[in-house]
């Protein structure tokens, strides 16, 4: 009788050891954009090639719980492996990933801006070199990882495009840390869904520009499997479709990773969030300005200089470059424009 009881206890222990946690949030706090500071989002690692080896970078595992962002680009674009943007291309990509505050019901969002985007949201796009193919990657947490787990990616986003050409902008997919895609690629982000419609097509203003609907945000979820604990952290990849990405701006209100989710994923549903009108004025300093400001980041569309209140030059920049300033009062000269700037 004693042996039977011991055997039963062992069976229960084994069952509990493999019991799966459900609906566990694996999202690093860094990707809770509403709580982040306005300004550039630091890219943690650059890789010469879109699929880094599992051992590169090792920081993706050690730093995962705090939020790890990778930028992996075609070898032909001259990107060097490492933690710093050492080329014009990587400096451009770093300048084009920002937290911006749209105010109203939207609030702070992640802004991924193509190098030729003319969107009013966020700093002016930085453009350097010929972009071929690559991706921004966002990693899940490791704490709570389980083998044979399912991970649901949840995105709430909107897209602003320069033109009426609406090819896919990003090809989102989820892979394991060991780069096993497992068929989890999930189609394209389609900019045409976020524009006003008229007579069965996209509506245009008097100047022939497509009319973007700033209140329209899509909820998109998809599930992926991670076979072993060694596959964590999982990696959400935004593989850009170069032609469309260059001229587009993707705004992400929500990014979330849920371990072993219950219920079915949501795909293709839209929600309405209205941005604030004053936020746009703060982020966009006018079409004729030679620079734009987001937080303490100043991005130059023409070569310029920054001076402190005493008249001492504290920074200079080429067109497309972003400089970071401490708190204070400055005078910014760029092109034929001179402006006073207060960094709080």
C-alpha atoms as a PDB file:
ATOM      1  CA  UNK A   1       0.000   0.000   0.000  1.00  0.00           C
ATOM      2  CA  UNK A   2       2.840   2.408   0.862  1.00  0.00           C
ATOM      3  CA  UNK A   3       4.468   1.811  -2.539  1.00  0.00           C
ATOM      4  CA  UNK A   4       1.218   2.644  -4.309  1.00  0.00           C
ATOM      5  CA  UNK A   5       0.879   5.926  -2.414  1.00  0.00           C
ATOM      6  CA  UNK A   6       4.464   6.885  -3.180  1.00  0.00           C
ATOM      7  CA  UNK A   7       3.944   6.074  -6.855  1.00  0.00           C
ATOM      8  CA  UNK A   8       0.773   8.213  -6.942  1.00  0.00           C
ATOM      9  CA  UNK A   9       2.592  11.124  -5.310  1.00  0.00           C
ATOM     10  CA  UNK A  10       5.365  10.878  -7.883  1.00  0.00           C
ATOM     11  CA  UNK A  11       2.821  10.937 -10.697  1.00  0.00           C
ATOM     12  CA  UNK A  12       1.222  14.097  -9.247  1.00  0.00           C
ATOM     13  CA  UNK A  13       4.603  15.747  -8.848  1.00  0.00           C
ATOM     14  CA  UNK A  14       5.459  14.949 -12.465  1.00  0.00           C
ATOM     15  CA  UNK A  15       2.162  16.333 -13.694  1.00  0.00           C
ATOM     16  CA  UNK A  16       2.610  19.590 -11.781  1.00  0.00           C
ATOM     17  CA  UNK A  17       6.180  19.953 -13.064  1.00  0.00           C
ATOM     18  CA  UNK A  18       4.890  20.083 -16.649  1.00  0.00           C
ATOM     19  CA  UNK A  19       1.752  22.121 -15.974  1.00  0.00           C
ATOM     20  CA  UNK A  20       1.725  25.173 -18.201  1.00  0.00           C
ATOM     21  CA  UNK A  21       1.242  28.708 -17.018  1.00  0.00           C
ATOM     22  CA  UNK A  22      -1.479  30.469 -18.991  1.00  0.00           C
ATOM     23  CA  UNK A  23      -1.783  34.126 -20.007  1.00  0.00           C
ATOM     24  CA  UNK A  24       1.621  35.080 -18.588  1.00  0.00           C
ATOM     25  CA  UNK A  25       2.775  38.480 -19.820  1.00  0.00           C
ATOM     26  CA  UNK A  26       6.283  38.120 -21.289  1.00  0.00           C
ATOM     27  CA  UNK A  27       6.508  41.756 -22.398  1.00  0.00           C
ATOM     28  CA  UNK A  28       9.526  43.716 -21.120  1.00  0.00           C
ATOM     29  CA  UNK A  29       8.502  46.971 -19.431  1.00  0.00           C
ATOM     30  CA  UNK A  30      10.592  48.827 -22.010  1.00  0.00           C
ATOM     31  CA  UNK A  31       8.011  47.884 -24.635  1.00  0.00           C
ATOM     32  CA  UNK A  32       5.167  49.399 -22.645  1.00  0.00           C
ATOM     33  CA  UNK A  33       5.461  52.545 -24.697  1.00  0.00           C
ATOM     34  CA  UNK A  34       2.941  54.606 -22.745  1.00  0.00           C
ATOM     35  CA  UNK A  35       5.346  54.615 -19.776  1.00  0.00           C
ATOM     36  CA  UNK A  36       8.535  55.517 -21.670  1.00  0.00           C
ATOM     37  CA  UNK A  37      10.319  58.825 -22.115  1.00  0.00           C
ATOM     38  CA  UNK A  38       9.897  60.627 -25.423  1.00  0.00           C
ATOM     39  CA  UNK A  39      13.030  60.304 -27.591  1.00  0.00           C
ATOM     40  CA  UNK A  40      15.107  57.739 -29.423  1.00  0.00           C
ATOM     41  CA  UNK A  41      14.724  54.064 -28.548  1.00  0.00           C
ATOM     42  CA  UNK A  42      18.214  52.669 -28.042  1.00  0.00           C
ATOM     43  CA  UNK A  43      19.109  49.839 -30.418  1.00  0.00           C
ATOM     44  CA  UNK A  44      21.151  47.348 -28.403  1.00  0.00           C
ATOM     45  CA  UNK A  45      22.859  45.478 -31.219  1.00  0.00           C
ATOM     46  CA  UNK A  46      23.570  45.791 -34.955  1.00  0.00           C
ATOM     47  CA  UNK A  47      24.254  42.737 -37.089  1.00  0.00           C
ATOM     48  CA  UNK A  48      25.726  42.403 -40.571  1.00  0.00           C
ATOM     49  CA  UNK A  49      22.993  40.065 -41.846  1.00  0.00           C
ATOM     50  CA  UNK A  50      19.332  39.566 -40.966  1.00  0.00           C
ATOM     51  CA  UNK A  51      19.689  36.280 -39.072  1.00  0.00           C
ATOM     52  CA  UNK A  52      22.289  36.524 -36.301  1.00  0.00           C
ATOM     53  CA  UNK A  53      23.614  33.276 -34.922  1.00  0.00           C
ATOM     54  CA  UNK A  54      22.015  32.120 -31.672  1.00  0.00           C
ATOM     55  CA  UNK A  55      25.161  33.143 -29.838  1.00  0.00           C
ATOM     56  CA  UNK A  56      25.112  36.642 -31.383  1.00  0.00           C
ATOM     57  CA  UNK A  57      24.337  38.678 -29.507  1.00  0.00           C
ATOM     58  CA  UNK A  58      24.545  36.879 -26.164  1.00  0.00           C
ATOM     59  CA  UNK A  59      23.125  40.033 -24.541  1.00  0.00           C
ATOM     60  CA  UNK A  60      19.769  39.221 -26.120  1.00  0.00           C
ATOM     61  CA  UNK A  61      19.372  36.555 -23.429  1.00  0.00           C
ATOM     62  CA  UNK A  62      21.018  38.313 -20.488  1.00  0.00           C
ATOM     63  CA  UNK A  63      19.213  41.601 -21.166  1.00  0.00           C
ATOM     64  CA  UNK A  64      15.905  40.167 -22.411  1.00  0.00           C
ATOM     65  CA  UNK A  65      13.856  40.837 -19.267  1.00  0.00           C
ATOM     66  CA  UNK A  66      14.725  44.533 -19.522  1.00  0.00           C
ATOM     67  CA  UNK A  67      13.918  44.709 -23.230  1.00  0.00           C
ATOM     68  CA  UNK A  68      16.344  44.060 -26.089  1.00  0.00           C
ATOM     69  CA  UNK A  69      16.163  45.673 -29.539  1.00  0.00           C
ATOM     70  CA  UNK A  70      18.220  44.455 -32.491  1.00  0.00           C
ATOM     71  CA  UNK A  71      18.727  45.907 -35.959  1.00  0.00           C
ATOM     72  CA  UNK A  72      19.854  43.331 -38.499  1.00  0.00           C
ATOM     73  CA  UNK A  73      20.656  44.564 -41.994  1.00  0.00           C
ATOM     74  CA  UNK A  74      21.793  43.203 -45.359  1.00  0.00           C
ATOM     75  CA  UNK A  75      25.573  42.702 -45.502  1.00  0.00           C
ATOM     76  CA  UNK A  76      25.757  44.866 -48.636  1.00  0.00           C
ATOM     77  CA  UNK A  77      24.631  47.892 -46.620  1.00  0.00           C
ATOM     78  CA  UNK A  78      27.954  48.065 -44.790  1.00  0.00           C
ATOM     79  CA  UNK A  79      26.700  47.397 -41.272  1.00  0.00           C
ATOM     80  CA  UNK A  80      29.277  46.243 -38.739  1.00  0.00           C
ATOM     81  CA  UNK A  81      28.487  43.932 -35.822  1.00  0.00           C
ATOM     82  CA  UNK A  82      28.364  45.616 -32.446  1.00  0.00           C
ATOM     83  CA  UNK A  83      26.476  47.715 -29.945  1.00  0.00           C
ATOM     84  CA  UNK A  84      27.198  51.122 -31.528  1.00  0.00           C
ATOM     85  CA  UNK A  85      25.966  52.663 -34.804  1.00  0.00           C
ATOM     86  CA  UNK A  86      29.301  53.074 -36.574  1.00  0.00           C
ATOM     87  CA  UNK A  87      28.105  53.716 -40.153  1.00  0.00           C
ATOM     88  CA  UNK A  88      25.829  56.271 -41.819  1.00  0.00           C
ATOM     89  CA  UNK A  89      23.257  53.538 -42.369  1.00  0.00           C
ATOM     90  CA  UNK A  90      23.105  52.420 -38.734  1.00  0.00           C
ATOM     91  CA  UNK A  91      23.077  56.025 -37.503  1.00  0.00           C
ATOM     92  CA  UNK A  92      20.128  56.668 -39.790  1.00  0.00           C
ATOM     93  CA  UNK A  93      18.246  53.598 -38.537  1.00  0.00           C
ATOM     94  CA  UNK A  94      18.926  54.580 -34.916  1.00  0.00           C
ATOM     95  CA  UNK A  95      17.617  58.108 -35.528  1.00  0.00           C
ATOM     96  CA  UNK A  96      14.405  56.743 -37.072  1.00  0.00           C
ATOM     97  CA  UNK A  97      13.167  54.691 -34.084  1.00  0.00           C
ATOM     98  CA  UNK A  98      11.553  56.905 -31.447  1.00  0.00           C
ATOM     99  CA  UNK A  99       8.952  57.187 -28.731  1.00  0.00           C
ATOM    100  CA  UNK A 100       6.635  60.074 -29.647  1.00  0.00           C
ATOM    101  CA  UNK A 101       3.649  61.460 -27.764  1.00  0.00           C
ATOM    102  CA  UNK A 102       0.579  61.915 -29.960  1.00  0.00           C
ATOM    103  CA  UNK A 103      -1.540  63.113 -27.043  1.00  0.00           C
ATOM    104  CA  UNK A 104      -5.285  62.586 -26.786  1.00  0.00           C
ATOM    105  CA  UNK A 105      -6.477  58.991 -26.528  1.00  0.00           C
ATOM    106  CA  UNK A 106      -3.351  57.729 -28.298  1.00  0.00           C
ATOM    107  CA  UNK A 107      -0.589  58.998 -26.017  1.00  0.00           C
ATOM    108  CA  UNK A 108       2.942  57.676 -26.436  1.00  0.00           C
ATOM    109  CA  UNK A 109       3.704  55.273 -29.252  1.00  0.00           C
ATOM    110  CA  UNK A 110       6.674  53.624 -30.906  1.00  0.00           C
ATOM    111  CA  UNK A 111       7.424  55.412 -34.184  1.00  0.00           C
ATOM    112  CA  UNK A 112       9.327  53.432 -36.850  1.00  0.00           C
ATOM    113  CA  UNK A 113      10.069  55.881 -39.618  1.00  0.00           C
ATOM    114  CA  UNK A 114      11.326  55.051 -43.098  1.00  0.00           C
ATOM    115  CA  UNK A 115      14.343  57.073 -44.258  1.00  0.00           C
ATOM    116  CA  UNK A 116      12.255  58.996 -46.823  1.00  0.00           C
ATOM    117  CA  UNK A 117       9.046  59.385 -44.798  1.00  0.00           C
ATOM    118  CA  UNK A 118       7.494  62.854 -44.780  1.00  0.00           C
ATOM    119  CA  UNK A 119       5.062  62.015 -41.973  1.00  0.00           C
ATOM    120  CA  UNK A 120       4.409  64.816 -39.491  1.00  0.00           C
ATOM    121  CA  UNK A 121       4.798  62.404 -36.588  1.00  0.00           C
ATOM    122  CA  UNK A 122       8.132  62.241 -34.797  1.00  0.00           C
ATOM    123  CA  UNK A 123      11.464  63.750 -35.809  1.00  0.00           C
ATOM    124  CA  UNK A 124      12.241  64.313 -39.484  1.00  0.00           C
ATOM    125  CA  UNK A 125      13.431  61.077 -41.070  1.00  0.00           C
ATOM    126  CA  UNK A 126      17.189  60.583 -41.293  1.00  0.00           C
ATOM    127  CA  UNK A 127      18.328  59.259 -44.657  1.00  0.00           C
ATOM    128  CA  UNK A 128      21.754  57.769 -45.344  1.00  0.00           C
ATOM    129  CA  UNK A 129      22.842  55.359 -48.049  1.00  0.00           C
ATOM    130  CA  UNK A 130      20.888  52.776 -50.026  1.00  0.00           C
ATOM    131  CA  UNK A 131      18.728  50.562 -47.825  1.00  0.00           C
ATOM    132  CA  UNK A 132      18.253  47.060 -49.237  1.00  0.00           C
ATOM    133  CA  UNK A 133      16.748  44.634 -46.716  1.00  0.00           C
ATOM    134  CA  UNK A 134      16.773  44.169 -42.974  1.00  0.00           C
ATOM    135  CA  UNK A 135      14.658  44.292 -39.849  1.00  0.00           C
ATOM    136  CA  UNK A 136      14.049  45.701 -36.403  1.00  0.00           C
ATOM    137  CA  UNK A 137      13.765  42.898 -33.813  1.00  0.00           C
ATOM    138  CA  UNK A 138      12.123  43.005 -30.370  1.00  0.00           C
ATOM    139  CA  UNK A 139      12.752  40.212 -27.863  1.00  0.00           C
ATOM    140  CA  UNK A 140      10.449  38.713 -25.236  1.00  0.00           C
ATOM    141  CA  UNK A 141      11.348  38.262 -21.586  1.00  0.00           C
ATOM    142  CA  UNK A 142      13.029  35.037 -20.476  1.00  0.00           C
ATOM    143  CA  UNK A 143      11.594  34.841 -16.950  1.00  0.00           C
ATOM    144  CA  UNK A 144       8.670  32.411 -16.952  1.00  0.00           C
ATOM    145  CA  UNK A 145       9.806  30.621 -20.134  1.00  0.00           C
ATOM    146  CA  UNK A 146       8.517  27.069 -20.555  1.00  0.00           C
ATOM    147  CA  UNK A 147       9.292  24.380 -23.085  1.00  0.00           C
ATOM    148  CA  UNK A 148       6.618  23.498 -25.624  1.00  0.00           C
ATOM    149  CA  UNK A 149       5.098  26.931 -25.063  1.00  0.00           C
ATOM    150  CA  UNK A 150       2.874  29.041 -27.257  1.00  0.00           C
ATOM    151  CA  UNK A 151       3.489  32.791 -27.484  1.00  0.00           C
ATOM    152  CA  UNK A 152       0.902  35.261 -28.739  1.00  0.00           C
ATOM    153  CA  UNK A 153       2.132  38.529 -30.203  1.00  0.00           C
ATOM    154  CA  UNK A 154      -0.339  41.405 -29.909  1.00  0.00           C
ATOM    155  CA  UNK A 155       0.105  44.599 -31.924  1.00  0.00           C
ATOM    156  CA  UNK A 156      -2.031  47.728 -32.162  1.00  0.00           C
ATOM    157  CA  UNK A 157      -0.690  49.967 -34.903  1.00  0.00           C
ATOM    158  CA  UNK A 158      -1.317  52.418 -37.734  1.00  0.00           C
ATOM    159  CA  UNK A 159       0.641  53.409 -40.853  1.00  0.00           C
ATOM    160  CA  UNK A 160       1.224  56.753 -42.590  1.00  0.00           C
ATOM    161  CA  UNK A 161       2.522  56.584 -46.170  1.00  0.00           C
ATOM    162  CA  UNK A 162       3.844  59.347 -48.447  1.00  0.00           C
ATOM    163  CA  UNK A 163       2.164  58.144 -51.604  1.00  0.00           C
ATOM    164  CA  UNK A 164      -0.764  56.194 -52.996  1.00  0.00           C
ATOM    165  CA  UNK A 165       1.478  53.155 -53.542  1.00  0.00           C
ATOM    166  CA  UNK A 166       0.355  50.712 -50.866  1.00  0.00           C
ATOM    167  CA  UNK A 167       2.645  47.730 -50.974  1.00  0.00           C
ATOM    168  CA  UNK A 168       3.343  46.015 -47.656  1.00  0.00           C
ATOM    169  CA  UNK A 169       5.622  47.983 -45.336  1.00  0.00           C
ATOM    170  CA  UNK A 170       6.691  45.355 -42.796  1.00  0.00           C
ATOM    171  CA  UNK A 171       6.528  41.592 -42.828  1.00  0.00           C
ATOM    172  CA  UNK A 172       6.086  40.696 -39.135  1.00  0.00           C
ATOM    173  CA  UNK A 173       7.109  37.248 -37.939  1.00  0.00           C
ATOM    174  CA  UNK A 174       8.057  35.509 -34.716  1.00  0.00           C
ATOM    175  CA  UNK A 175      11.122  33.306 -34.395  1.00  0.00           C
ATOM    176  CA  UNK A 176      12.883  31.563 -31.547  1.00  0.00           C
ATOM    177  CA  UNK A 177      16.209  32.756 -30.213  1.00  0.00           C
ATOM    178  CA  UNK A 178      17.780  29.991 -32.299  1.00  0.00           C
ATOM    179  CA  UNK A 179      16.216  31.529 -35.444  1.00  0.00           C
ATOM    180  CA  UNK A 180      13.685  28.789 -36.102  1.00  0.00           C
ATOM    181  CA  UNK A 181      10.758  30.538 -37.789  1.00  0.00           C
ATOM    182  CA  UNK A 182       8.514  27.461 -37.589  1.00  0.00           C
ATOM    183  CA  UNK A 183       6.161  28.880 -40.201  1.00  0.00           C
ATOM    184  CA  UNK A 184       5.184  31.800 -37.995  1.00  0.00           C
ATOM    185  CA  UNK A 185       5.453  34.522 -40.621  1.00  0.00           C
ATOM    186  CA  UNK A 186       2.265  36.562 -40.742  1.00  0.00           C
ATOM    187  CA  UNK A 187       1.897  38.593 -43.914  1.00  0.00           C
ATOM    188  CA  UNK A 188       2.322  42.314 -44.469  1.00  0.00           C
ATOM    189  CA  UNK A 189       1.413  45.591 -42.792  1.00  0.00           C
ATOM    190  CA  UNK A 190      -0.822  47.230 -45.422  1.00  0.00           C
ATOM    191  CA  UNK A 191      -0.853  51.074 -45.366  1.00  0.00           C
ATOM    192  CA  UNK A 192      -4.015  51.324 -47.502  1.00  0.00           C
ATOM    193  CA  UNK A 193      -6.123  50.262 -44.514  1.00  0.00           C
ATOM    194  CA  UNK A 194      -5.467  53.529 -42.665  1.00  0.00           C
ATOM    195  CA  UNK A 195      -6.637  56.020 -45.258  1.00  0.00           C
ATOM    196  CA  UNK A 196     -10.003  57.665 -45.839  1.00  0.00           C
ATOM    197  CA  UNK A 197     -12.103  55.922 -48.500  1.00  0.00           C
ATOM    198  CA  UNK A 198     -14.029  57.509 -51.317  1.00  0.00           C
ATOM    199  CA  UNK A 199     -15.840  55.819 -54.226  1.00  0.00           C
ATOM    200  CA  UNK A 200     -14.328  52.475 -53.380  1.00  0.00           C
ATOM    201  CA  UNK A 201     -10.746  53.726 -53.254  1.00  0.00           C
ATOM    202  CA  UNK A 202      -8.401  55.942 -51.251  1.00  0.00           C
ATOM    203  CA  UNK A 203      -9.550  59.546 -50.802  1.00  0.00           C
ATOM    204  CA  UNK A 204      -7.272  62.474 -51.722  1.00  0.00           C
ATOM    205  CA  UNK A 205      -7.047  66.111 -50.697  1.00  0.00           C
ATOM    206  CA  UNK A 206      -7.013  69.087 -53.096  1.00  0.00           C
ATOM    207  CA  UNK A 207      -3.276  68.658 -53.655  1.00  0.00           C
ATOM    208  CA  UNK A 208      -3.566  64.999 -54.574  1.00  0.00           C
ATOM    209  CA  UNK A 209      -2.209  63.618 -51.304  1.00  0.00           C
ATOM    210  CA  UNK A 210      -3.855  60.544 -49.759  1.00  0.00           C
ATOM    211  CA  UNK A 211      -5.915  61.431 -46.677  1.00  0.00           C
ATOM    212  CA  UNK A 212      -4.639  59.537 -43.638  1.00  0.00           C
ATOM    213  CA  UNK A 213      -7.164  58.649 -40.917  1.00  0.00           C
ATOM    214  CA  UNK A 214      -5.293  59.399 -37.672  1.00  0.00           C
ATOM    215  CA  UNK A 215      -8.024  57.729 -35.559  1.00  0.00           C
ATOM    216  CA  UNK A 216      -7.735  54.283 -37.168  1.00  0.00           C
ATOM    217  CA  UNK A 217      -5.669  51.621 -35.331  1.00  0.00           C
ATOM    218  CA  UNK A 218      -5.576  47.918 -36.168  1.00  0.00           C
ATOM    219  CA  UNK A 219      -5.482  45.143 -33.571  1.00  0.00           C
ATOM    220  CA  UNK A 220      -3.467  42.204 -34.875  1.00  0.00           C
ATOM    221  CA  UNK A 221      -2.540  39.050 -32.940  1.00  0.00           C
ATOM    222  CA  UNK A 222      -0.836  35.840 -33.995  1.00  0.00           C
ATOM    223  CA  UNK A 223       0.437  32.751 -32.203  1.00  0.00           C
ATOM    224  CA  UNK A 224       3.817  31.047 -32.476  1.00  0.00           C
ATOM    225  CA  UNK A 225       5.379  28.008 -30.833  1.00  0.00           C
ATOM    226  CA  UNK A 226       8.679  27.752 -28.979  1.00  0.00           C
ATOM    227  CA  UNK A 227       9.690  24.112 -28.685  1.00  0.00           C
ATOM    228  CA  UNK A 228      12.296  24.376 -25.936  1.00  0.00           C
ATOM    229  CA  UNK A 229      13.199  26.754 -23.142  1.00  0.00           C
ATOM    230  CA  UNK A 230      16.467  27.306 -25.025  1.00  0.00           C
ATOM    231  CA  UNK A 231      14.387  29.006 -27.736  1.00  0.00           C
ATOM    232  CA  UNK A 232      13.656  31.965 -25.444  1.00  0.00           C
ATOM    233  CA  UNK A 233      13.785  34.891 -25.702  1.00  0.00           C
ATOM    234  CA  UNK A 234      11.423  34.852 -28.649  1.00  0.00           C
ATOM    235  CA  UNK A 235      12.031  37.451 -31.339  1.00  0.00           C
ATOM    236  CA  UNK A 236       9.387  39.581 -33.060  1.00  0.00           C
ATOM    237  CA  UNK A 237      10.872  40.603 -36.382  1.00  0.00           C
ATOM    238  CA  UNK A 238       9.700  43.549 -38.476  1.00  0.00           C
ATOM    239  CA  UNK A 239      11.298  42.683 -41.807  1.00  0.00           C
ATOM    240  CA  UNK A 240      10.948  45.778 -43.965  1.00  0.00           C
ATOM    241  CA  UNK A 241       9.736  45.762 -47.551  1.00  0.00           C
ATOM    242  CA  UNK A 242      12.195  48.348 -48.757  1.00  0.00           C
ATOM    243  CA  UNK A 243      10.213  50.292 -51.369  1.00  0.00           C
ATOM    244  CA  UNK A 244       7.207  50.885 -49.125  1.00  0.00           C
ATOM    245  CA  UNK A 245       9.082  51.157 -45.813  1.00  0.00           C
ATOM    246  CA  UNK A 246      11.319  53.958 -47.084  1.00  0.00           C
ATOM    247  CA  UNK A 247       8.314  56.253 -47.555  1.00  0.00           C
ATOM    248  CA  UNK A 248       6.197  55.121 -44.603  1.00  0.00           C
ATOM    249  CA  UNK A 249       5.883  55.699 -40.874  1.00  0.00           C
ATOM    250  CA  UNK A 250       4.590  52.897 -38.629  1.00  0.00           C
ATOM    251  CA  UNK A 251       3.093  53.910 -35.279  1.00  0.00           C
ATOM    252  CA  UNK A 252       2.765  51.119 -32.685  1.00  0.00           C
ATOM    253  CA  UNK A 253       0.533  51.862 -29.719  1.00  0.00           C
ATOM    254  CA  UNK A 254       0.800  48.419 -28.176  1.00  0.00           C
ATOM    255  CA  UNK A 255       3.258  45.508 -28.383  1.00  0.00           C
ATOM    256  CA  UNK A 256       2.656  42.554 -26.102  1.00  0.00           C
ATOM    257  CA  UNK A 257       3.843  38.949 -25.753  1.00  0.00           C
ATOM    258  CA  UNK A 258       1.600  36.467 -23.882  1.00  0.00           C
ATOM    259  CA  UNK A 259       2.760  32.957 -22.910  1.00  0.00           C
ATOM    260  CA  UNK A 260       0.200  30.161 -23.451  1.00  0.00           C
ATOM    261  CA  UNK A 261      -2.709  32.496 -24.193  1.00  0.00           C
ATOM    262  CA  UNK A 262      -6.325  31.463 -23.787  1.00  0.00           C
ATOM    263  CA  UNK A 263      -8.922  32.216 -26.433  1.00  0.00           C
ATOM    264  CA  UNK A 264      -8.409  32.860 -30.124  1.00  0.00           C
ATOM    265  CA  UNK A 265      -6.130  35.566 -31.545  1.00  0.00           C
ATOM    266  CA  UNK A 266      -7.667  38.762 -32.906  1.00  0.00           C
ATOM    267  CA  UNK A 267      -6.849  39.638 -36.501  1.00  0.00           C
ATOM    268  CA  UNK A 268      -7.959  42.538 -38.666  1.00  0.00           C
ATOM    269  CA  UNK A 269     -10.093  44.361 -36.099  1.00  0.00           C
ATOM    270  CA  UNK A 270      -9.877  48.141 -35.804  1.00  0.00           C
ATOM    271  CA  UNK A 271     -10.243  50.425 -32.809  1.00  0.00           C
ATOM    272  CA  UNK A 272     -10.579  54.204 -32.727  1.00  0.00           C
ATOM    273  CA  UNK A 273      -8.130  56.370 -30.790  1.00  0.00           C
ATOM    274  CA  UNK A 274      -8.073  60.117 -31.376  1.00  0.00           C
ATOM    275  CA  UNK A 275      -4.690  61.857 -31.150  1.00  0.00           C
ATOM    276  CA  UNK A 276      -4.391  65.269 -29.530  1.00  0.00           C
ATOM    277  CA  UNK A 277      -4.109  68.347 -31.748  1.00  0.00           C
ATOM    278  CA  UNK A 278      -1.518  70.132 -29.596  1.00  0.00           C
ATOM    279  CA  UNK A 279       0.854  67.152 -29.618  1.00  0.00           C
ATOM    280  CA  UNK A 280       1.281  67.390 -33.360  1.00  0.00           C
ATOM    281  CA  UNK A 281       2.211  71.065 -33.111  1.00  0.00           C
ATOM    282  CA  UNK A 282       4.830  70.253 -30.496  1.00  0.00           C
ATOM    283  CA  UNK A 283       6.345  67.460 -32.537  1.00  0.00           C
ATOM    284  CA  UNK A 284       6.185  69.151 -35.915  1.00  0.00           C
ATOM    285  CA  UNK A 285       7.738  72.592 -36.003  1.00  0.00           C
ATOM    286  CA  UNK A 286       6.502  73.525 -39.459  1.00  0.00           C
ATOM    287  CA  UNK A 287       7.165  72.436 -43.026  1.00  0.00           C
ATOM    288  CA  UNK A 288       9.828  75.099 -43.580  1.00  0.00           C
ATOM    289  CA  UNK A 289      11.871  74.407 -40.474  1.00  0.00           C
ATOM    290  CA  UNK A 290      15.314  72.963 -41.038  1.00  0.00           C
ATOM    291  CA  UNK A 291      15.117  70.800 -37.922  1.00  0.00           C
ATOM    292  CA  UNK A 292      12.565  68.997 -35.726  1.00  0.00           C
ATOM    293  CA  UNK A 293      12.532  68.261 -32.012  1.00  0.00           C
ATOM    294  CA  UNK A 294      11.362  65.271 -29.937  1.00  0.00           C
ATOM    295  CA  UNK A 295      12.188  65.556 -26.254  1.00  0.00           C
ATOM    296  CA  UNK A 296      15.905  66.338 -26.044  1.00  0.00           C
ATOM    297  CA  UNK A 297      16.582  65.021 -29.571  1.00  0.00           C
ATOM    298  CA  UNK A 298      17.130  67.560 -32.389  1.00  0.00           C
ATOM    299  CA  UNK A 299      17.097  66.146 -35.922  1.00  0.00           C
ATOM    300  CA  UNK A 300      18.480  68.310 -38.726  1.00  0.00           C
ATOM    301  CA  UNK A 301      17.096  68.294 -42.269  1.00  0.00           C
ATOM    302  CA  UNK A 302      19.871  70.744 -43.214  1.00  0.00           C
ATOM    303  CA  UNK A 303      23.390  71.168 -41.816  1.00  0.00           C
ATOM    304  CA  UNK A 304      23.380  73.256 -38.650  1.00  0.00           C
ATOM    305  CA  UNK A 305      24.813  74.229 -35.289  1.00  0.00           C
ATOM    306  CA  UNK A 306      23.588  74.444 -31.691  1.00  0.00           C
ATOM    307  CA  UNK A 307      24.690  77.201 -29.282  1.00  0.00           C
ATOM    308  CA  UNK A 308      24.070  77.570 -25.556  1.00  0.00           C
ATOM    309  CA  UNK A 309      22.653  80.732 -23.999  1.00  0.00           C
ATOM    310  CA  UNK A 310      26.191  82.141 -23.670  1.00  0.00           C
ATOM    311  CA  UNK A 311      26.790  81.849 -27.403  1.00  0.00           C
ATOM    312  CA  UNK A 312      29.164  78.874 -27.170  1.00  0.00           C
ATOM    313  CA  UNK A 313      28.741  76.208 -29.835  1.00  0.00           C
ATOM    314  CA  UNK A 314      27.827  72.887 -28.195  1.00  0.00           C
ATOM    315  CA  UNK A 315      27.020  70.745 -31.242  1.00  0.00           C
ATOM    316  CA  UNK A 316      27.081  70.680 -35.017  1.00  0.00           C
ATOM    317  CA  UNK A 317      25.284  68.332 -37.381  1.00  0.00           C
ATOM    318  CA  UNK A 318      25.000  67.332 -41.014  1.00  0.00           C
ATOM    319  CA  UNK A 319      21.643  66.914 -42.747  1.00  0.00           C
ATOM    320  CA  UNK A 320      19.824  63.875 -41.366  1.00  0.00           C
ATOM    321  CA  UNK A 321      21.814  63.761 -38.124  1.00  0.00           C
ATOM    322  CA  UNK A 322      20.242  63.778 -34.644  1.00  0.00           C
ATOM    323  CA  UNK A 323      21.949  65.366 -31.635  1.00  0.00           C
ATOM    324  CA  UNK A 324      21.058  64.924 -27.956  1.00  0.00           C
ATOM    325  CA  UNK A 325      21.016  67.959 -25.663  1.00  0.00           C
ATOM    326  CA  UNK A 326      20.991  68.416 -21.896  1.00  0.00           C
ATOM    327  CA  UNK A 327      18.363  70.538 -20.189  1.00  0.00           C
ATOM    328  CA  UNK A 328      18.752  74.199 -20.987  1.00  0.00           C
ATOM    329  CA  UNK A 329      18.102  77.037 -23.419  1.00  0.00           C
ATOM    330  CA  UNK A 330      19.728  76.892 -26.853  1.00  0.00           C
ATOM    331  CA  UNK A 331      19.843  78.658 -30.201  1.00  0.00           C
ATOM    332  CA  UNK A 332      19.671  76.329 -33.186  1.00  0.00           C
ATOM    333  CA  UNK A 333      20.843  77.489 -36.599  1.00  0.00           C
ATOM    334  CA  UNK A 334      20.170  75.266 -39.601  1.00  0.00           C
ATOM    335  CA  UNK A 335      19.977  76.244 -43.245  1.00  0.00           C
ATOM    336  CA  UNK A 336      18.699  79.808 -43.285  1.00  0.00           C
ATOM    337  CA  UNK A 337      16.664  79.341 -40.088  1.00  0.00           C
ATOM    338  CA  UNK A 338      17.479  80.341 -36.494  1.00  0.00           C
ATOM    339  CA  UNK A 339      15.281  79.199 -33.620  1.00  0.00           C
ATOM    340  CA  UNK A 340      15.313  79.347 -29.839  1.00  0.00           C
ATOM    341  CA  UNK A 341      14.977  75.924 -28.202  1.00  0.00           C
ATOM    342  CA  UNK A 342      14.133  75.037 -24.594  1.00  0.00           C
ATOM    343  CA  UNK A 343      14.948  71.494 -23.491  1.00  0.00           C
ATOM    344  CA  UNK A 344      13.121  70.586 -20.263  1.00  0.00           C
END
